[in-house]
PDB file of N, CA and C in Angstrom:
ATOM      1  N   MET A   1     141.537 -69.471  73.648  1.00  0.00           N
ATOM      2  CA  MET A   1     141.755 -68.651  74.818  1.00  0.00           C
ATOM      3  C   MET A   1     143.045 -67.845  74.602  1.00  0.00           C
ATOM      4  N   PRO A   2     142.959 -66.529  74.757  1.00  0.00           N
ATOM      5  CA  PRO A   2     144.151 -65.712  74.516  1.00  0.00           C
ATOM      6  C   PRO A   2     145.186 -65.898  75.629  1.00  0.00           C
ATOM      7  N   ASP A   3     146.434 -65.704  75.250  1.00  0.00           N
ATOM      8  CA  ASP A   3     147.515 -65.791  76.237  1.00  0.00           C
ATOM      9  C   ASP A   3     147.449 -64.582  77.156  1.00  0.00           C
ATOM     10  N   VAL A   4     147.671 -64.828  78.424  1.00  0.00           N
ATOM     11  CA  VAL A   4     147.671 -63.771  79.427  1.00  0.00           C
ATOM     12  C   VAL A   4     149.122 -63.502  79.800  1.00  0.00           C
ATOM     13  N   SER A   5     149.476 -62.221  79.853  1.00  0.00           N
ATOM     14  CA  SER A   5     150.867 -61.883  80.144  1.00  0.00           C
ATOM     15  C   SER A   5     151.211 -62.183  81.598  1.00  0.00           C
ATOM     16  N   LEU A   6     152.481 -62.345  81.841  1.00  0.00           N
ATOM     17  CA  LEU A   6     152.969 -62.613  83.186  1.00  0.00           C
ATOM     18  C   LEU A   6     152.647 -61.439  84.113  1.00  0.00           C
ATOM     19  N   LYS A   7     152.730 -60.228  83.594  1.00  0.00           N
ATOM     20  CA  LYS A   7     152.424 -59.030  84.386  1.00  0.00           C
ATOM     21  C   LYS A   7     150.966 -59.053  84.853  1.00  0.00           C
ATOM     22  N   THR A   8     150.066 -59.453  83.977  1.00  0.00           N
ATOM     23  CA  THR A   8     148.647 -59.533  84.314  1.00  0.00           C
ATOM     24  C   THR A   8     148.401 -60.608  85.366  1.00  0.00           C
ATOM     25  N   LYS A   9     149.076 -61.740  85.214  1.00  0.00           N
ATOM     26  CA  LYS A   9     148.937 -62.827  86.186  1.00  0.00           C
ATOM     27  C   LYS A   9     149.430 -62.397  87.559  1.00  0.00           C
ATOM     28  N   ARG A  10     150.577 -61.724  87.587  1.00  0.00           N
ATOM     29  CA  ARG A  10     151.128 -61.265  88.873  1.00  0.00           C
ATOM     30  C   ARG A  10     150.199 -60.274  89.547  1.00  0.00           C
ATOM     31  N   ALA A  11     149.626 -59.364  88.779  1.00  0.00           N
ATOM     32  CA  ALA A  11     148.703 -58.371  89.335  1.00  0.00           C
ATOM     33  C   ALA A  11     147.462 -59.058  89.896  1.00  0.00           C
ATOM     34  N   TYR A  12     146.941 -60.041  89.176  1.00  0.00           N
ATOM     35  CA  TYR A  12     145.761 -60.779  89.635  1.00  0.00           C
ATOM     36  C   TYR A  12     146.054 -61.507  90.949  1.00  0.00           C
ATOM     37  N   PHE A  13     147.168 -62.224  91.008  1.00  0.00           N
ATOM     38  CA  PHE A  13     147.484 -62.981  92.215  1.00  0.00           C
ATOM     39  C   PHE A  13     147.789 -62.065  93.393  1.00  0.00           C
ATOM     40  N   ALA A  14     148.385 -60.912  93.149  1.00  0.00           N
ATOM     41  CA  ALA A  14     148.624 -59.956  94.234  1.00  0.00           C
ATOM     42  C   ALA A  14     147.292 -59.436  94.779  1.00  0.00           C
ATOM     43  N   LYS A  15     146.354 -59.171  93.885  1.00  0.00           N
ATOM     44  CA  LYS A  15     145.027 -58.695  94.294  1.00  0.00           C
ATOM     45  C   LYS A  15     144.308 -59.762  95.118  1.00  0.00           C
ATOM     46  N   VAL A  16     144.356 -61.007  94.674  1.00  0.00           N
ATOM     47  CA  VAL A  16     143.702 -62.108  95.382  1.00  0.00           C
ATOM     48  C   VAL A  16     144.373 -62.345  96.741  1.00  0.00           C
ATOM     49  N   LYS A  17     145.690 -62.244  96.777  1.00  0.00           N
ATOM     50  CA  LYS A  17     146.430 -62.445  98.023  1.00  0.00           C
ATOM     51  C   LYS A  17     146.018 -61.394  99.059  1.00  0.00           C
ATOM     52  N   ARG A  18     145.905 -60.126  98.641  1.00  0.00           N
ATOM     53  CA  ARG A  18     145.479 -59.064  99.561  1.00  0.00           C
ATOM     54  C   ARG A  18     144.062 -59.306 100.051  1.00  0.00           C
ATOM     55  N   ALA A  19     143.181 -59.720  99.152  1.00  0.00           N
ATOM     56  CA  ALA A  19     141.791 -59.976  99.530  1.00  0.00           C
ATOM     57  C   ALA A  19     141.702 -61.142 100.511  1.00  0.00           C
ATOM     58  N   ASN A  20     142.472 -62.190 100.266  1.00  0.00           N
ATOM     59  CA  ASN A  20     142.474 -63.350 101.167  1.00  0.00           C
ATOM     60  C   ASN A  20     143.023 -62.971 102.536  1.00  0.00           C
ATOM     61  N   TYR A  21     144.072 -62.163 102.569  1.00  0.00           N
ATOM     62  CA  TYR A  21     144.650 -61.725 103.839  1.00  0.00           C
ATOM     63  C   TYR A  21     143.632 -60.910 104.630  1.00  0.00           C
ATOM     64  N   LYS A  22     142.964 -60.004 103.946  1.00  0.00           N
ATOM     65  CA  LYS A  22     141.971 -59.163 104.611  1.00  0.00           C
ATOM     66  C   LYS A  22     140.825 -60.024 105.155  1.00  0.00           C
ATOM     67  N   ALA A  23     140.363 -60.993 104.379  1.00  0.00           N
ATOM     68  CA  ALA A  23     139.288 -61.884 104.818  1.00  0.00           C
ATOM     69  C   ALA A  23     139.740 -62.733 106.000  1.00  0.00           C
ATOM     70  N   SER A  24     140.965 -63.193 105.980  1.00  0.00           N
ATOM     71  CA  SER A  24     141.504 -63.995 107.070  1.00  0.00           C
ATOM     72  C   SER A  24     141.576 -63.177 108.358  1.00  0.00           C
ATOM     73  N   MET A  25     142.030 -61.949 108.256  1.00  0.00           N
ATOM     74  CA  MET A  25     142.117 -61.074 109.426  1.00  0.00           C
ATOM     75  C   MET A  25     140.717 -60.800 109.982  1.00  0.00           C
ATOM     76  N   HIS A  26     139.759 -60.635 109.091  1.00  0.00           N
ATOM     77  CA  HIS A  26     138.375 -60.394 109.518  1.00  0.00           C
ATOM     78  C   HIS A  26     137.841 -61.610 110.282  1.00  0.00           C
ATOM     79  N   LEU A  27     138.132 -62.809 109.789  1.00  0.00           N
ATOM     80  CA  LEU A  27     137.675 -64.024 110.461  1.00  0.00           C
ATOM     81  C   LEU A  27     138.302 -64.176 111.845  1.00  0.00           C
ATOM     82  N   GLU A  28     139.522 -63.673 112.007  1.00  0.00           N
ATOM     83  CA  GLU A  28     140.205 -63.740 113.292  1.00  0.00           C
ATOM     84  C   GLU A  28     139.739 -62.639 114.244  1.00  0.00           C
ATOM     85  N   GLY A  29     138.905 -61.741 113.747  1.00  0.00           N
ATOM     86  CA  GLY A  29     138.392 -60.662 114.583  1.00  0.00           C
ATOM     87  C   GLY A  29     139.280 -59.431 114.615  1.00  0.00           C
ATOM     88  N   LEU A  30     140.235 -59.358 113.709  1.00  0.00           N
ATOM     89  CA  LEU A  30     141.128 -58.209 113.648  1.00  0.00           C
ATOM     90  C   LEU A  30     140.714 -57.310 112.484  1.00  0.00           C
ATOM     91  N   SER A  31     140.881 -56.033 112.674  1.00  0.00           N
ATOM     92  CA  SER A  31     140.543 -55.122 111.590  1.00  0.00           C
ATOM     93  C   SER A  31     141.816 -54.651 110.909  1.00  0.00           C
ATOM     94  N   THR A  32     141.739 -54.483 109.622  1.00  0.00           N
ATOM     95  CA  THR A  32     142.876 -53.976 108.860  1.00  0.00           C
ATOM     96  C   THR A  32     142.532 -52.574 108.393  1.00  0.00           C
ATOM     97  N   PRO A  33     143.399 -51.616 108.658  1.00  0.00           N
ATOM     98  CA  PRO A  33     143.115 -50.258 108.212  1.00  0.00           C
ATOM     99  C   PRO A  33     143.200 -50.165 106.693  1.00  0.00           C
ATOM    100  N   GLU A  34     142.394 -49.310 106.134  1.00  0.00           N
ATOM    101  CA  GLU A  34     142.435 -49.095 104.697  1.00  0.00           C
ATOM    102  C   GLU A  34     143.712 -48.326 104.370  1.00  0.00           C
ATOM    103  N   PRO A  35     144.406 -48.710 103.311  1.00  0.00           N
ATOM    104  CA  PRO A  35     145.634 -48.001 102.965  1.00  0.00           C
ATOM    105  C   PRO A  35     145.335 -46.574 102.519  1.00  0.00           C
ATOM    106  N   ASP A  36     146.231 -45.679 102.866  1.00  0.00           N
ATOM    107  CA  ASP A  36     146.084 -44.286 102.481  1.00  0.00           C
ATOM    108  C   ASP A  36     146.482 -44.149 101.019  1.00  0.00           C
ATOM    109  N   ALA A  37     145.524 -43.855 100.177  1.00  0.00           N
ATOM    110  CA  ALA A  37     145.779 -43.772  98.744  1.00  0.00           C
ATOM    111  C   ALA A  37     146.675 -42.583  98.404  1.00  0.00           C
ATOM    112  N   LYS A  38     146.747 -41.601  99.285  1.00  0.00           N
ATOM    113  CA  LYS A  38     147.523 -40.406  98.992  1.00  0.00           C
ATOM    114  C   LYS A  38     148.967 -40.506  99.468  1.00  0.00           C
ATOM    115  N   ALA A  39     149.309 -41.602 100.122  1.00  0.00           N
ATOM    116  CA  ALA A  39     150.672 -41.758 100.607  1.00  0.00           C
ATOM    117  C   ALA A  39     151.618 -41.957  99.427  1.00  0.00           C
ATOM    118  N   THR A  40     152.643 -41.139  99.387  1.00  0.00           N
ATOM    119  CA  THR A  40     153.627 -41.263  98.327  1.00  0.00           C
ATOM    120  C   THR A  40     154.916 -41.824  98.918  1.00  0.00           C
ATOM    121  N   LYS A  41     155.773 -42.248  98.066  1.00  0.00           N
ATOM    122  CA  LYS A  41     157.039 -42.804  98.511  1.00  0.00           C
ATOM    123  C   LYS A  41     157.809 -41.768  99.331  1.00  0.00           C
ATOM    124  N   GLU A  42     157.815 -40.523  98.859  1.00  0.00           N
ATOM    125  CA  GLU A  42     158.549 -39.475  99.555  1.00  0.00           C
ATOM    126  C   GLU A  42     157.955 -39.210 100.935  1.00  0.00           C
ATOM    127  N   ALA A  43     156.624 -39.207 101.033  1.00  0.00           N
ATOM    128  CA  ALA A  43     155.968 -38.959 102.319  1.00  0.00           C
ATOM    129  C   ALA A  43     156.281 -40.086 103.310  1.00  0.00           C
ATOM    130  N   LEU A  44     156.282 -41.319 102.839  1.00  0.00           N
ATOM    131  CA  LEU A  44     156.592 -42.447 103.710  1.00  0.00           C
ATOM    132  C   LEU A  44     158.041 -42.418 104.169  1.00  0.00           C
ATOM    133  N   LEU A  45     158.946 -42.096 103.252  1.00  0.00           N
ATOM    134  CA  LEU A  45     160.350 -42.013 103.629  1.00  0.00           C
ATOM    135  C   LEU A  45     160.571 -40.914 104.660  1.00  0.00           C
ATOM    136  N   ALA A  46     159.916 -39.771 104.471  1.00  0.00           N
ATOM    137  CA  ALA A  46     160.053 -38.668 105.412  1.00  0.00           C
ATOM    138  C   ALA A  46     159.503 -39.064 106.791  1.00  0.00           C
ATOM    139  N   LYS A  47     158.386 -39.758 106.798  1.00  0.00           N
ATOM    140  CA  LYS A  47     157.774 -40.180 108.066  1.00  0.00           C
ATOM    141  C   LYS A  47     158.725 -41.087 108.850  1.00  0.00           C
ATOM    142  N   TYR A  48     159.290 -42.080 108.184  1.00  0.00           N
ATOM    143  CA  TYR A  48     160.145 -43.027 108.879  1.00  0.00           C
ATOM    144  C   TYR A  48     161.538 -42.446 109.169  1.00  0.00           C
ATOM    145  N   HIS A  49     161.960 -41.498 108.384  1.00  0.00           N
ATOM    146  CA  HIS A  49     163.237 -40.848 108.659  1.00  0.00           C
ATOM    147  C   HIS A  49     163.126 -40.035 109.946  1.00  0.00           C
ATOM    148  N   ARG A  50     161.992 -39.352 110.129  1.00  0.00           N
ATOM    149  CA  ARG A  50     161.756 -38.554 111.347  1.00  0.00           C
ATOM    150  C   ARG A  50     161.686 -39.450 112.567  1.00  0.00           C
ATOM    151  N   SER A  51     161.069 -40.621 112.442  1.00  0.00           N
ATOM    152  CA  SER A  51     160.888 -41.500 113.608  1.00  0.00           C
ATOM    153  C   SER A  51     162.207 -42.100 114.074  1.00  0.00           C
ATOM    154  N   ARG A  52     163.188 -42.208 113.193  1.00  0.00           N
ATOM    155  CA  ARG A  52     164.497 -42.744 113.553  1.00  0.00           C
ATOM    156  C   ARG A  52     165.316 -41.731 114.358  1.00  0.00           C
ATOM    157  N   SER A  53     165.147 -40.473 114.050  1.00  0.00           N
ATOM    158  CA  SER A  53     165.963 -39.425 114.681  1.00  0.00           C
ATOM    159  C   SER A  53     165.603 -39.176 116.106  1.00  0.00           C
TER     160      SER A  53
END
């Protein structure tokens, strides 16, 4: 069995954690919005900077 890098393991567990969270929220009857794939760091910073002012 080949060695798996730590980076690969972290990515896998992050993916599983998100999937489990989404499934848990679904079981509780809550919906989770799909993340906006086009959101960039700059756009998010600008959004929250405006809301503070």
